PDB file of N, CA and C in Angstrom:
ATOM      1  N   MET A   1      -6.034   5.116   2.620  1.00  0.00           N
ATOM      2  CA  MET A   1      -6.237   6.415   2.011  1.00  0.00           C
ATOM      3  C   MET A   1      -5.509   6.506   0.679  1.00  0.00           C
ATOM      4  N   ILE A   2      -6.070   7.290  -0.199  1.00  0.00           N
ATOM      5  CA  ILE A   2      -5.419   7.460  -1.495  1.00  0.00           C
ATOM      6  C   ILE A   2      -4.779   8.853  -1.582  1.00  0.00           C
ATOM      7  N   VAL A   3      -3.854   8.977  -2.500  1.00  0.00           N
ATOM      8  CA  VAL A   3      -3.088  10.206  -2.682  1.00  0.00           C
ATOM      9  C   VAL A   3      -3.995  11.405  -2.916  1.00  0.00           C
ATOM     10  N   ARG A   4      -5.017  11.225  -3.727  1.00  0.00           N
ATOM     11  CA  ARG A   4      -5.921  12.335  -4.058  1.00  0.00           C
ATOM     12  C   ARG A   4      -6.513  12.986  -2.812  1.00  0.00           C
ATOM     13  N   ASP A   5      -6.777  12.202  -1.775  1.00  0.00           N
ATOM     14  CA  ASP A   5      -7.369  12.717  -0.539  1.00  0.00           C
ATOM     15  C   ASP A   5      -6.364  13.468   0.330  1.00  0.00           C
ATOM     16  N   LEU A   6      -5.088  13.299   0.052  1.00  0.00           N
ATOM     17  CA  LEU A   6      -4.051  13.893   0.888  1.00  0.00           C
ATOM     18  C   LEU A   6      -3.249  15.001   0.209  1.00  0.00           C
ATOM     19  N   MET A   7      -3.241  15.027  -1.100  1.00  0.00           N
ATOM     20  CA  MET A   7      -2.377  15.949  -1.845  1.00  0.00           C
ATOM     21  C   MET A   7      -2.808  17.406  -1.685  1.00  0.00           C
ATOM     22  N   SER A   8      -1.864  18.289  -1.937  1.00  0.00           N
ATOM     23  CA  SER A   8      -2.122  19.732  -1.916  1.00  0.00           C
ATOM     24  C   SER A   8      -2.448  20.209  -3.323  1.00  0.00           C
ATOM     25  N   TYR A   9      -3.402  21.128  -3.390  1.00  0.00           N
ATOM     26  CA  TYR A   9      -3.761  21.757  -4.645  1.00  0.00           C
ATOM     27  C   TYR A   9      -4.358  23.110  -4.301  1.00  0.00           C
ATOM     28  N   PRO A  10      -4.142  24.158  -5.020  1.00  0.00           N
ATOM     29  CA  PRO A  10      -3.467  24.228  -6.313  1.00  0.00           C
ATOM     30  C   PRO A  10      -1.949  24.133  -6.166  1.00  0.00           C
ATOM     31  N   ILE A  11      -1.321  23.837  -7.258  1.00  0.00           N
ATOM     32  CA  ILE A  11       0.120  23.676  -7.291  1.00  0.00           C
ATOM     33  C   ILE A  11       0.776  25.053  -7.400  1.00  0.00           C
ATOM     34  N   ALA A  12       1.769  25.286  -6.551  1.00  0.00           N
ATOM     35  CA  ALA A  12       2.521  26.537  -6.608  1.00  0.00           C
ATOM     36  C   ALA A  12       3.627  26.386  -7.651  1.00  0.00           C
ATOM     37  N   THR A  13       3.754  27.390  -8.519  1.00  0.00           N
ATOM     38  CA  THR A  13       4.736  27.309  -9.601  1.00  0.00           C
ATOM     39  C   THR A  13       5.644  28.528  -9.626  1.00  0.00           C
ATOM     40  N   VAL A  14       6.731  28.374 -10.349  1.00  0.00           N
ATOM     41  CA  VAL A  14       7.661  29.466 -10.608  1.00  0.00           C
ATOM     42  C   VAL A  14       8.232  29.241 -12.003  1.00  0.00           C
ATOM     43  N   ARG A  15       8.593  30.316 -12.656  1.00  0.00           N
ATOM     44  CA  ARG A  15       9.193  30.205 -13.995  1.00  0.00           C
ATOM     45  C   ARG A  15      10.689  29.953 -13.853  1.00  0.00           C
ATOM     46  N   PRO A  16      11.295  29.258 -14.801  1.00  0.00           N
ATOM     47  CA  PRO A  16      12.723  28.939 -14.698  1.00  0.00           C
ATOM     48  C   PRO A  16      13.632  30.161 -14.727  1.00  0.00           C
ATOM     49  N   GLU A  17      13.185  31.238 -15.363  1.00  0.00           N
ATOM     50  CA  GLU A  17      14.016  32.439 -15.446  1.00  0.00           C
ATOM     51  C   GLU A  17      13.845  33.374 -14.246  1.00  0.00           C
ATOM     52  N   ALA A  18      12.999  32.999 -13.293  1.00  0.00           N
ATOM     53  CA  ALA A  18      12.826  33.793 -12.076  1.00  0.00           C
ATOM     54  C   ALA A  18      14.081  33.678 -11.221  1.00  0.00           C
ATOM     55  N   THR A  19      14.306  34.682 -10.398  1.00  0.00           N
ATOM     56  CA  THR A  19      15.435  34.588  -9.470  1.00  0.00           C
ATOM     57  C   THR A  19      15.035  33.723  -8.280  1.00  0.00           C
ATOM     58  N   VAL A  20      16.029  33.225  -7.605  1.00  0.00           N
ATOM     59  CA  VAL A  20      15.769  32.439  -6.404  1.00  0.00           C
ATOM     60  C   VAL A  20      15.058  33.309  -5.367  1.00  0.00           C
ATOM     61  N   GLN A  21      15.396  34.601  -5.304  1.00  0.00           N
ATOM     62  CA  GLN A  21      14.699  35.502  -4.374  1.00  0.00           C
ATOM     63  C   GLN A  21      13.210  35.557  -4.690  1.00  0.00           C
ATOM     64  N   ASP A  22      12.854  35.612  -5.962  1.00  0.00           N
ATOM     65  CA  ASP A  22      11.436  35.582  -6.354  1.00  0.00           C
ATOM     66  C   ASP A  22      10.778  34.287  -5.879  1.00  0.00           C
ATOM     67  N   ALA A  23      11.490  33.180  -6.022  1.00  0.00           N
ATOM     68  CA  ALA A  23      10.959  31.888  -5.594  1.00  0.00           C
ATOM     69  C   ALA A  23      10.768  31.851  -4.076  1.00  0.00           C
ATOM     70  N   ILE A  24      11.734  32.393  -3.344  1.00  0.00           N
ATOM     71  CA  ILE A  24      11.630  32.432  -1.881  1.00  0.00           C
ATOM     72  C   ILE A  24      10.396  33.231  -1.466  1.00  0.00           C
ATOM     73  N   THR A  25      10.207  34.377  -2.091  1.00  0.00           N
ATOM     74  CA  THR A  25       9.050  35.217  -1.777  1.00  0.00           C
ATOM     75  C   THR A  25       7.755  34.459  -2.028  1.00  0.00           C
ATOM     76  N   ARG A  26       7.714  33.738  -3.120  1.00  0.00           N
ATOM     77  CA  ARG A  26       6.519  32.947  -3.471  1.00  0.00           C
ATOM     78  C   ARG A  26       6.303  31.810  -2.461  1.00  0.00           C
ATOM     79  N   MET A  27       7.389  31.150  -2.074  1.00  0.00           N
ATOM     80  CA  MET A  27       7.286  30.061  -1.091  1.00  0.00           C
ATOM     81  C   MET A  27       6.762  30.583   0.245  1.00  0.00           C
ATOM     82  N   VAL A  28       7.304  31.698   0.694  1.00  0.00           N
ATOM     83  CA  VAL A  28       6.894  32.265   1.978  1.00  0.00           C
ATOM     84  C   VAL A  28       5.427  32.690   1.939  1.00  0.00           C
ATOM     85  N   SER A  29       5.034  33.393   0.897  1.00  0.00           N
ATOM     86  CA  SER A  29       3.649  33.871   0.829  1.00  0.00           C
ATOM     87  C   SER A  29       2.650  32.726   0.712  1.00  0.00           C
ATOM     88  N   GLY A  30       3.050  31.640   0.063  1.00  0.00           N
ATOM     89  CA  GLY A  30       2.159  30.494  -0.090  1.00  0.00           C
ATOM     90  C   GLY A  30       2.350  29.414   0.955  1.00  0.00           C
ATOM     91  N   LYS A  31       3.301  29.646   1.893  1.00  0.00           N
ATOM     92  CA  LYS A  31       3.627  28.656   2.927  1.00  0.00           C
ATOM     93  C   LYS A  31       3.929  27.298   2.305  1.00  0.00           C
ATOM     94  N   LYS A  32       4.816  27.317   1.295  1.00  0.00           N
ATOM     95  CA  LYS A  32       5.192  26.104   0.561  1.00  0.00           C
ATOM     96  C   LYS A  32       6.671  25.803   0.760  1.00  0.00           C
ATOM     97  N   GLY A  33       7.017  24.534   0.747  1.00  0.00           N
ATOM     98  CA  GLY A  33       8.409  24.111   0.853  1.00  0.00           C
ATOM     99  C   GLY A  33       9.014  23.773  -0.497  1.00  0.00           C
ATOM    100  N   SER A  34       8.195  23.903  -1.539  1.00  0.00           N
ATOM    101  CA  SER A  34       8.693  23.628  -2.883  1.00  0.00           C
ATOM    102  C   SER A  34       7.805  24.339  -3.899  1.00  0.00           C
ATOM    103  N   LEU A  35       8.364  24.499  -5.094  1.00  0.00           N
ATOM    104  CA  LEU A  35       7.623  25.061  -6.216  1.00  0.00           C
ATOM    105  C   LEU A  35       7.907  24.210  -7.441  1.00  0.00           C
ATOM    106  N   LEU A  36       6.896  23.938  -8.225  1.00  0.00           N
ATOM    107  CA  LEU A  36       7.126  23.271  -9.495  1.00  0.00           C
ATOM    108  C   LEU A  36       7.530  24.327 -10.512  1.00  0.00           C
ATOM    109  N   VAL A  37       8.507  23.997 -11.325  1.00  0.00           N
ATOM    110  CA  VAL A  37       9.021  24.936 -12.317  1.00  0.00           C
ATOM    111  C   VAL A  37       8.320  24.664 -13.638  1.00  0.00           C
ATOM    112  N   ALA A  38       7.684  25.701 -14.163  1.00  0.00           N
ATOM    113  CA  ALA A  38       6.926  25.545 -15.405  1.00  0.00           C
ATOM    114  C   ALA A  38       7.004  26.821 -16.225  1.00  0.00           C
ATOM    115  N   GLY A  39       7.111  26.663 -17.525  1.00  0.00           N
ATOM    116  CA  GLY A  39       7.091  27.804 -18.422  1.00  0.00           C
ATOM    117  C   GLY A  39       5.679  28.308 -18.605  1.00  0.00           C
ATOM    118  N   GLU A  40       5.498  29.594 -18.484  1.00  0.00           N
ATOM    119  CA  GLU A  40       4.196  30.233 -18.667  1.00  0.00           C
ATOM    120  C   GLU A  40       3.100  29.601 -17.817  1.00  0.00           C
ATOM    121  N   GLY A  41       3.479  29.037 -16.672  1.00  0.00           N
ATOM    122  CA  GLY A  41       2.511  28.489 -15.739  1.00  0.00           C
ATOM    123  C   GLY A  41       1.863  27.191 -16.165  1.00  0.00           C
ATOM    124  N   LEU A  42       2.305  26.606 -17.277  1.00  0.00           N
ATOM    125  CA  LEU A  42       1.690  25.370 -17.754  1.00  0.00           C
ATOM    126  C   LEU A  42       2.311  24.168 -17.046  1.00  0.00           C
ATOM    127  N   LEU A  43       1.470  23.298 -16.517  1.00  0.00           N
ATOM    128  CA  LEU A  43       1.970  22.158 -15.758  1.00  0.00           C
ATOM    129  C   LEU A  43       1.860  20.840 -16.492  1.00  0.00           C
ATOM    130  N   LYS A  44       1.440  20.846 -17.738  1.00  0.00           N
ATOM    131  CA  LYS A  44       1.352  19.581 -18.459  1.00  0.00           C
ATOM    132  C   LYS A  44       2.730  18.951 -18.582  1.00  0.00           C
ATOM    133  N   GLU A  45       3.721  19.772 -18.831  1.00  0.00           N
ATOM    134  CA  GLU A  45       5.096  19.280 -18.910  1.00  0.00           C
ATOM    135  C   GLU A  45       5.984  20.144 -18.027  1.00  0.00           C
ATOM    136  N   PRO A  46       6.051  19.834 -16.725  1.00  0.00           N
ATOM    137  CA  PRO A  46       6.866  20.642 -15.825  1.00  0.00           C
ATOM    138  C   PRO A  46       8.343  20.548 -16.204  1.00  0.00           C
ATOM    139  N   MET A  47       9.047  21.632 -15.960  1.00  0.00           N
ATOM    140  CA  MET A  47      10.466  21.682 -16.287  1.00  0.00           C
ATOM    141  C   MET A  47      11.332  21.211 -15.131  1.00  0.00           C
ATOM    142  N   GLY A  48      10.754  21.166 -13.934  1.00  0.00           N
ATOM    143  CA  GLY A  48      11.521  20.736 -12.770  1.00  0.00           C
ATOM    144  C   GLY A  48      10.814  21.086 -11.484  1.00  0.00           C
ATOM    145  N   ILE A  49      11.560  20.965 -10.374  1.00  0.00           N
ATOM    146  CA  ILE A  49      11.048  21.305  -9.048  1.00  0.00           C
ATOM    147  C   ILE A  49      12.155  22.024  -8.282  1.00  0.00           C
ATOM    148  N   LEU A  50      11.765  22.971  -7.450  1.00  0.00           N
ATOM    149  CA  LEU A  50      12.693  23.720  -6.611  1.00  0.00           C
ATOM    150  C   LEU A  50      12.254  23.544  -5.170  1.00  0.00           C
ATOM    151  N   THR A  51      13.186  23.185  -4.295  1.00  0.00           N
ATOM    152  CA  THR A  51      12.872  22.961  -2.883  1.00  0.00           C
ATOM    153  C   THR A  51      13.686  23.890  -1.992  1.00  0.00           C
ATOM    154  N   THR A  52      13.234  24.030  -0.765  1.00  0.00           N
ATOM    155  CA  THR A  52      13.975  24.851   0.197  1.00  0.00           C
ATOM    156  C   THR A  52      15.360  24.276   0.442  1.00  0.00           C
ATOM    157  N   THR A  53      15.476  22.967   0.421  1.00  0.00           N
ATOM    158  CA  THR A  53      16.790  22.338   0.618  1.00  0.00           C
ATOM    159  C   THR A  53      17.761  22.774  -0.469  1.00  0.00           C
ATOM    160  N   GLN A  54      17.307  22.820  -1.707  1.00  0.00           N
ATOM    161  CA  GLN A  54      18.177  23.264  -2.804  1.00  0.00           C
ATOM    162  C   GLN A  54      18.602  24.713  -2.613  1.00  0.00           C
ATOM    163  N   ILE A  55      17.693  25.542  -2.148  1.00  0.00           N
ATOM    164  CA  ILE A  55      18.023  26.947  -1.918  1.00  0.00           C
ATOM    165  C   ILE A  55      19.108  27.065  -0.845  1.00  0.00           C
ATOM    166  N   PHE A  56      18.976  26.309   0.227  1.00  0.00           N
ATOM    167  CA  PHE A  56      19.975  26.374   1.296  1.00  0.00           C
ATOM    168  C   PHE A  56      21.321  25.816   0.858  1.00  0.00           C
ATOM    169  N   THR A  57      21.318  24.655   0.188  1.00  0.00           N
ATOM    170  CA  THR A  57      22.586  24.016  -0.155  1.00  0.00           C
ATOM    171  C   THR A  57      23.279  24.608  -1.374  1.00  0.00           C
ATOM    172  N   LYS A  58      22.509  25.129  -2.324  1.00  0.00           N
ATOM    173  CA  LYS A  58      23.109  25.605  -3.576  1.00  0.00           C
ATOM    174  C   LYS A  58      23.209  27.126  -3.674  1.00  0.00           C
ATOM    175  N   VAL A  59      22.617  27.828  -2.708  1.00  0.00           N
ATOM    176  CA  VAL A  59      22.690  29.293  -2.734  1.00  0.00           C
ATOM    177  C   VAL A  59      23.277  29.806  -1.421  1.00  0.00           C
ATOM    178  N   PHE A  60      22.539  29.673  -0.329  1.00  0.00           N
ATOM    179  CA  PHE A  60      22.977  30.245   0.944  1.00  0.00           C
ATOM    180  C   PHE A  60      24.261  29.615   1.474  1.00  0.00           C
ATOM    181  N   ALA A  61      24.378  28.299   1.398  1.00  0.00           N
ATOM    182  CA  ALA A  61      25.578  27.635   1.914  1.00  0.00           C
ATOM    183  C   ALA A  61      26.832  28.032   1.150  1.00  0.00           C
ATOM    184  N   LEU A  62      26.657  28.466  -0.091  1.00  0.00           N
ATOM    185  CA  LEU A  62      27.789  28.881  -0.921  1.00  0.00           C
ATOM    186  C   LEU A  62      27.999  30.395  -0.895  1.00  0.00           C
ATOM    187  N   GLY A  63      27.183  31.096  -0.114  1.00  0.00           N
ATOM    188  CA  GLY A  63      27.323  32.538  -0.002  1.00  0.00           C
ATOM    189  C   GLY A  63      26.876  33.300  -1.228  1.00  0.00           C
ATOM    190  N   LEU A  64      26.026  32.692  -2.053  1.00  0.00           N
ATOM    191  CA  LEU A  64      25.549  33.361  -3.269  1.00  0.00           C
ATOM    192  C   LEU A  64      24.369  34.276  -2.956  1.00  0.00           C
ATOM    193  N   ASN A  65      24.169  35.263  -3.788  1.00  0.00           N
ATOM    194  CA  ASN A  65      23.079  36.207  -3.636  1.00  0.00           C
ATOM    195  C   ASN A  65      21.845  35.641  -4.352  1.00  0.00           C
ATOM    196  N   PRO A  66      20.739  35.402  -3.629  1.00  0.00           N
ATOM    197  CA  PRO A  66      19.546  34.831  -4.260  1.00  0.00           C
ATOM    198  C   PRO A  66      18.930  35.734  -5.326  1.00  0.00           C
ATOM    199  N   ASN A  67      19.301  37.017  -5.336  1.00  0.00           N
ATOM    200  CA  ASN A  67      18.830  37.924  -6.381  1.00  0.00           C
ATOM    201  C   ASN A  67      19.605  37.751  -7.682  1.00  0.00           C
ATOM    202  N   GLU A  68      20.724  37.009  -7.621  1.00  0.00           N
ATOM    203  CA  GLU A  68      21.578  36.842  -8.796  1.00  0.00           C
ATOM    204  C   GLU A  68      21.606  35.409  -9.331  1.00  0.00           C
ATOM    205  N   VAL A  69      20.873  34.508  -8.683  1.00  0.00           N
ATOM    206  CA  VAL A  69      20.836  33.108  -9.101  1.00  0.00           C
ATOM    207  C   VAL A  69      19.443  32.813  -9.660  1.00  0.00           C
ATOM    208  N   LEU A  70      19.410  32.162 -10.808  1.00  0.00           N
ATOM    209  CA  LEU A  70      18.127  31.818 -11.425  1.00  0.00           C
ATOM    210  C   LEU A  70      17.640  30.458 -10.937  1.00  0.00           C
ATOM    211  N   VAL A  71      16.352  30.301 -10.895  1.00  0.00           N
ATOM    212  CA  VAL A  71      15.734  29.029 -10.511  1.00  0.00           C
ATOM    213  C   VAL A  71      16.279  27.898 -11.379  1.00  0.00           C
ATOM    214  N   SER A  72      16.409  28.129 -12.674  1.00  0.00           N
ATOM    215  CA  SER A  72      16.873  27.088 -13.600  1.00  0.00           C
ATOM    216  C   SER A  72      18.276  26.580 -13.269  1.00  0.00           C
ATOM    217  N   GLU A  73      19.057  27.376 -12.553  1.00  0.00           N
ATOM    218  CA  GLU A  73      20.430  26.985 -12.219  1.00  0.00           C
ATOM    219  C   GLU A  73      20.503  26.007 -11.056  1.00  0.00           C
ATOM    220  N   ILE A  74      19.466  25.941 -10.220  1.00  0.00           N
ATOM    221  CA  ILE A  74      19.547  25.086  -9.030  1.00  0.00           C
ATOM    222  C   ILE A  74      18.426  24.060  -8.905  1.00  0.00           C
ATOM    223  N   MET A  75      17.422  24.124  -9.770  1.00  0.00           N
ATOM    224  CA  MET A  75      16.269  23.216  -9.677  1.00  0.00           C
ATOM    225  C   MET A  75      16.662  21.781 -10.033  1.00  0.00           C
ATOM    226  N   THR A  76      15.834  20.842  -9.620  1.00  0.00           N
ATOM    227  CA  THR A  76      15.941  19.470 -10.100  1.00  0.00           C
ATOM    228  C   THR A  76      15.183  19.435 -11.423  1.00  0.00           C
ATOM    229  N   PRO A  77      15.882  19.138 -12.528  1.00  0.00           N
ATOM    230  CA  PRO A  77      15.217  19.187 -13.835  1.00  0.00           C
ATOM    231  C   PRO A  77      14.322  17.970 -14.084  1.00  0.00           C
ATOM    232  N   ALA A  78      13.368  18.146 -14.986  1.00  0.00           N
ATOM    233  CA  ALA A  78      12.505  17.048 -15.426  1.00  0.00           C
ATOM    234  C   ALA A  78      13.361  16.026 -16.160  1.00  0.00           C
ATOM    235  N   PRO A  79      12.962  14.779 -16.240  1.00  0.00           N
ATOM    236  CA  PRO A  79      11.667  14.262 -15.804  1.00  0.00           C
ATOM    237  C   PRO A  79      11.619  14.077 -14.289  1.00  0.00           C
ATOM    238  N   LEU A  80      10.459  14.386 -13.707  1.00  0.00           N
ATOM    239  CA  LEU A  80      10.254  14.260 -12.275  1.00  0.00           C
ATOM    240  C   LEU A  80       9.653  12.903 -11.942  1.00  0.00           C
ATOM    241  N   ILE A  81       9.914  12.448 -10.753  1.00  0.00           N
ATOM    242  CA  ILE A  81       9.268  11.242 -10.244  1.00  0.00           C
ATOM    243  C   ILE A  81       7.867  11.664  -9.821  1.00  0.00           C
ATOM    244  N   THR A  82       6.846  10.966 -10.301  1.00  0.00           N
ATOM    245  CA  THR A  82       5.460  11.315  -9.991  1.00  0.00           C
ATOM    246  C   THR A  82       4.694  10.081  -9.549  1.00  0.00           C
ATOM    247  N   ILE A  83       3.501  10.331  -9.063  1.00  0.00           N
ATOM    248  CA  ILE A  83       2.593   9.255  -8.662  1.00  0.00           C
ATOM    249  C   ILE A  83       1.191   9.645  -9.109  1.00  0.00           C
ATOM    250  N   GLY A  84       0.333   8.664  -9.297  1.00  0.00           N
ATOM    251  CA  GLY A  84      -1.050   8.925  -9.704  1.00  0.00           C
ATOM    252  C   GLY A  84      -1.927   9.257  -8.508  1.00  0.00           C
ATOM    253  N   PRO A  85      -3.030   9.963  -8.732  1.00  0.00           N
ATOM    254  CA  PRO A  85      -3.907  10.378  -7.638  1.00  0.00           C
ATOM    255  C   PRO A  85      -4.643   9.231  -6.959  1.00  0.00           C
ATOM    256  N   TYR A  86      -4.739   8.079  -7.636  1.00  0.00           N
ATOM    257  CA  TYR A  86      -5.468   6.957  -7.038  1.00  0.00           C
ATOM    258  C   TYR A  86      -4.541   5.906  -6.427  1.00  0.00           C
ATOM    259  N   ALA A  87      -3.248   6.224  -6.359  1.00  0.00           N
ATOM    260  CA  ALA A  87      -2.297   5.350  -5.657  1.00  0.00           C
ATOM    261  C   ALA A  87      -2.571   5.485  -4.158  1.00  0.00           C
ATOM    262  N   THR A  88      -2.135   4.502  -3.405  1.00  0.00           N
ATOM    263  CA  THR A  88      -2.341   4.554  -1.960  1.00  0.00           C
ATOM    264  C   THR A  88      -1.276   5.421  -1.293  1.00  0.00           C
ATOM    265  N   ALA A  89      -1.598   5.848  -0.091  1.00  0.00           N
ATOM    266  CA  ALA A  89      -0.641   6.625   0.693  1.00  0.00           C
ATOM    267  C   ALA A  89       0.618   5.792   0.935  1.00  0.00           C
ATOM    268  N   ARG A  90       0.456   4.514   1.118  1.00  0.00           N
ATOM    269  CA  ARG A  90       1.610   3.632   1.330  1.00  0.00           C
ATOM    270  C   ARG A  90       2.512   3.615   0.098  1.00  0.00           C
ATOM    271  N   GLU A  91       1.914   3.535  -1.087  1.00  0.00           N
ATOM    272  CA  GLU A  91       2.703   3.558  -2.320  1.00  0.00           C
ATOM    273  C   GLU A  91       3.477   4.868  -2.445  1.00  0.00           C
ATOM    274  N   ALA A  92       2.832   5.970  -2.081  1.00  0.00           N
ATOM    275  CA  ALA A  92       3.509   7.270  -2.124  1.00  0.00           C
ATOM    276  C   ALA A  92       4.683   7.287  -1.157  1.00  0.00           C
ATOM    277  N   ALA A  93       4.462   6.789   0.052  1.00  0.00           N
ATOM    278  CA  ALA A  93       5.531   6.763   1.060  1.00  0.00           C
ATOM    279  C   ALA A  93       6.695   5.892   0.598  1.00  0.00           C
ATOM    280  N   GLU A  94       6.393   4.747   0.018  1.00  0.00           N
ATOM    281  CA  GLU A  94       7.456   3.853  -0.462  1.00  0.00           C
ATOM    282  C   GLU A  94       8.260   4.510  -1.590  1.00  0.00           C
ATOM    283  N   LEU A  95       7.582   5.200  -2.496  1.00  0.00           N
ATOM    284  CA  LEU A  95       8.269   5.879  -3.599  1.00  0.00           C
ATOM    285  C   LEU A  95       9.158   7.011  -3.070  1.00  0.00           C
ATOM    286  N   MET A  96       8.657   7.741  -2.088  1.00  0.00           N
ATOM    287  CA  MET A  96       9.436   8.821  -1.493  1.00  0.00           C
ATOM    288  C   MET A  96      10.672   8.277  -0.775  1.00  0.00           C
ATOM    289  N   LEU A  97      10.506   7.186  -0.064  1.00  0.00           N
ATOM    290  CA  LEU A  97      11.654   6.558   0.605  1.00  0.00           C
ATOM    291  C   LEU A  97      12.664   6.026  -0.402  1.00  0.00           C
ATOM    292  N   GLN A  98      12.173   5.374  -1.420  1.00  0.00           N
ATOM    293  CA  GLN A  98      13.046   4.785  -2.446  1.00  0.00           C
ATOM    294  C   GLN A  98      13.914   5.840  -3.124  1.00  0.00           C
ATOM    295  N   HIS A  99      13.342   7.026  -3.356  1.00  0.00           N
ATOM    296  CA  HIS A  99      14.072   8.079  -4.073  1.00  0.00           C
ATOM    297  C   HIS A  99      14.602   9.188  -3.160  1.00  0.00           C
ATOM    298  N   ASN A 100      14.419   9.002  -1.846  1.00  0.00           N
ATOM    299  CA  ASN A 100      14.897   9.964  -0.847  1.00  0.00           C
ATOM    300  C   ASN A 100      14.383  11.387  -1.142  1.00  0.00           C
ATOM    301  N   ILE A 101      13.069  11.490  -1.334  1.00  0.00           N
ATOM    302  CA  ILE A 101      12.443  12.785  -1.593  1.00  0.00           C
ATOM    303  C   ILE A 101      11.322  13.020  -0.586  1.00  0.00           C
ATOM    304  N   ARG A 102      11.013  14.297  -0.344  1.00  0.00           N
ATOM    305  CA  ARG A 102       9.963  14.646   0.616  1.00  0.00           C
ATOM    306  C   ARG A 102       8.727  15.227  -0.047  1.00  0.00           C
ATOM    307  N   ARG A 103       8.821  15.519  -1.337  1.00  0.00           N
ATOM    308  CA  ARG A 103       7.701  16.086  -2.082  1.00  0.00           C
ATOM    309  C   ARG A 103       7.541  15.314  -3.378  1.00  0.00           C
ATOM    310  N   LEU A 104       6.318  14.887  -3.652  1.00  0.00           N
ATOM    311  CA  LEU A 104       6.068  14.022  -4.797  1.00  0.00           C
ATOM    312  C   LEU A 104       4.935  14.597  -5.644  1.00  0.00           C
ATOM    313  N   PRO A 105       5.250  15.063  -6.850  1.00  0.00           N
ATOM    314  CA  PRO A 105       4.194  15.561  -7.729  1.00  0.00           C
ATOM    315  C   PRO A 105       3.201  14.450  -8.086  1.00  0.00           C
ATOM    316  N   VAL A 106       1.943  14.834  -8.188  1.00  0.00           N
ATOM    317  CA  VAL A 106       0.866  13.900  -8.521  1.00  0.00           C
ATOM    318  C   VAL A 106       0.413  14.208  -9.951  1.00  0.00           C
ATOM    319  N   ALA A 107       0.424  13.186 -10.803  1.00  0.00           N
ATOM    320  CA  ALA A 107       0.077  13.376 -12.211  1.00  0.00           C
ATOM    321  C   ALA A 107      -1.054  12.449 -12.627  1.00  0.00           C
ATOM    322  N   GLU A 108      -1.925  12.989 -13.479  1.00  0.00           N
ATOM    323  CA  GLU A 108      -3.014  12.193 -14.049  1.00  0.00           C
ATOM    324  C   GLU A 108      -3.124  12.568 -15.519  1.00  0.00           C
ATOM    325  N   ASN A 109      -3.122  11.564 -16.392  1.00  0.00           N
ATOM    326  CA  ASN A 109      -3.171  11.801 -17.838  1.00  0.00           C
ATOM    327  C   ASN A 109      -2.078  12.766 -18.298  1.00  0.00           C
ATOM    328  N   ASP A 110      -0.873  12.564 -17.780  1.00  0.00           N
ATOM    329  CA  ASP A 110       0.301  13.371 -18.129  1.00  0.00           C
ATOM    330  C   ASP A 110       0.218  14.831 -17.709  1.00  0.00           C
ATOM    331  N   ALA A 111      -0.725  15.197 -16.864  1.00  0.00           N
ATOM    332  CA  ALA A 111      -0.811  16.561 -16.347  1.00  0.00           C
ATOM    333  C   ALA A 111      -0.691  16.527 -14.830  1.00  0.00           C
ATOM    334  N   LEU A 112       0.052  17.476 -14.274  1.00  0.00           N
ATOM    335  CA  LEU A 112       0.185  17.537 -12.823  1.00  0.00           C
ATOM    336  C   LEU A 112      -1.095  18.064 -12.200  1.00  0.00           C
ATOM    337  N   VAL A 113      -1.547  17.385 -11.161  1.00  0.00           N
ATOM    338  CA  VAL A 113      -2.797  17.765 -10.508  1.00  0.00           C
ATOM    339  C   VAL A 113      -2.614  18.117  -9.037  1.00  0.00           C
ATOM    340  N   GLY A 114      -1.432  17.896  -8.490  1.00  0.00           N
ATOM    341  CA  GLY A 114      -1.192  18.194  -7.086  1.00  0.00           C
ATOM    342  C   GLY A 114       0.197  17.783  -6.674  1.00  0.00           C
ATOM    343  N   VAL A 115       0.465  17.922  -5.375  1.00  0.00           N
ATOM    344  CA  VAL A 115       1.728  17.506  -4.783  1.00  0.00           C
ATOM    345  C   VAL A 115       1.407  16.875  -3.441  1.00  0.00           C
ATOM    346  N   ILE A 116       2.049  15.762  -3.142  1.00  0.00           N
ATOM    347  CA  ILE A 116       1.901  15.144  -1.829  1.00  0.00           C
ATOM    348  C   ILE A 116       3.260  15.205  -1.134  1.00  0.00           C
ATOM    349  N   THR A 117       3.235  15.540   0.141  1.00  0.00           N
ATOM    350  CA  THR A 117       4.465  15.697   0.910  1.00  0.00           C
ATOM    351  C   THR A 117       4.485  14.718   2.085  1.00  0.00           C
ATOM    352  N   CYS A 118       5.644  14.612   2.709  1.00  0.00           N
ATOM    353  CA  CYS A 118       5.759  13.787   3.916  1.00  0.00           C
ATOM    354  C   CYS A 118       4.768  14.256   4.975  1.00  0.00           C
ATOM    355  N   LYS A 119       4.625  15.561   5.080  1.00  0.00           N
ATOM    356  CA  LYS A 119       3.687  16.135   6.052  1.00  0.00           C
ATOM    357  C   LYS A 119       2.258  15.701   5.744  1.00  0.00           C
ATOM    358  N   ASP A 120       1.896  15.668   4.469  1.00  0.00           N
ATOM    359  CA  ASP A 120       0.563  15.198   4.080  1.00  0.00           C
ATOM    360  C   ASP A 120       0.354  13.748   4.501  1.00  0.00           C
ATOM    361  N   LEU A 121       1.396  12.930   4.344  1.00  0.00           N
ATOM    362  CA  LEU A 121       1.290  11.513   4.695  1.00  0.00           C
ATOM    363  C   LEU A 121       1.095  11.304   6.191  1.00  0.00           C
ATOM    364  N   LEU A 122       1.561  12.239   6.992  1.00  0.00           N
ATOM    365  CA  LEU A 122       1.389  12.116   8.444  1.00  0.00           C
ATOM    366  C   LEU A 122      -0.085  12.198   8.862  1.00  0.00           C
ATOM    367  N   ARG A 123      -0.920  12.743   7.997  1.00  0.00           N
ATOM    368  CA  ARG A 123      -2.358  12.812   8.306  1.00  0.00           C
ATOM    369  C   ARG A 123      -2.997  11.428   8.338  1.00  0.00           C
ATOM    370  N   CYS A 124      -2.290  10.424   7.806  1.00  0.00           N
ATOM    371  CA  CYS A 124      -2.806   9.051   7.831  1.00  0.00           C
ATOM    372  C   CYS A 124      -2.616   8.396   9.198  1.00  0.00           C
ATOM    373  N   VAL A 125      -1.759   8.987   9.995  1.00  0.00           N
ATOM    374  CA  VAL A 125      -1.428   8.404  11.293  1.00  0.00           C
ATOM    375  C   VAL A 125      -2.421   8.891  12.336  1.00  0.00           C
ATOM    376  N   ASP A 126      -2.994   7.964  13.055  1.00  0.00           N
ATOM    377  CA  ASP A 126      -3.964   8.337  14.129  1.00  0.00           C
ATOM    378  C   ASP A 126      -3.257   8.547  15.426  1.00  0.00           C
TER     379      ASP A 126
END
C-alpha cells in the first residue's frame, strides 16, 4: 500500500497566534490528534505541528492555563519531517520509527497534501 491510500485529508490547521485552548477545541471537533500550524491557512510552507502530547507535557503537566499559552510557544517548528504520497506504508513506518513520531505530514511538490498516522498504518494489517 502507498501513503496516498492511507493518509488523512483534509488537513486540520491552526494559526500560530491561536491559544492552545482554541487548538484543543479544533482537535476535539475534528477528532484529530494533531494540527498543522500555518499562517492564514496556507499549507505550502507550514510553520510547524502541534500534537496532543505537546499540549499535555508543555501545558497541563506544568499547570499552565491553555487560554494563556499560544500555539507558537509549544509547537514543533518547521522544517517538518515529511513523506511523499507515493512512498510505501513501510517507508512511512520506518521514517516514523526513526524519528520517534506518530504523525507524518505528506508533501507533494513542496505542498502538504495530507497526514499519515500510526493509526492509519494499522489499516495495512489484516
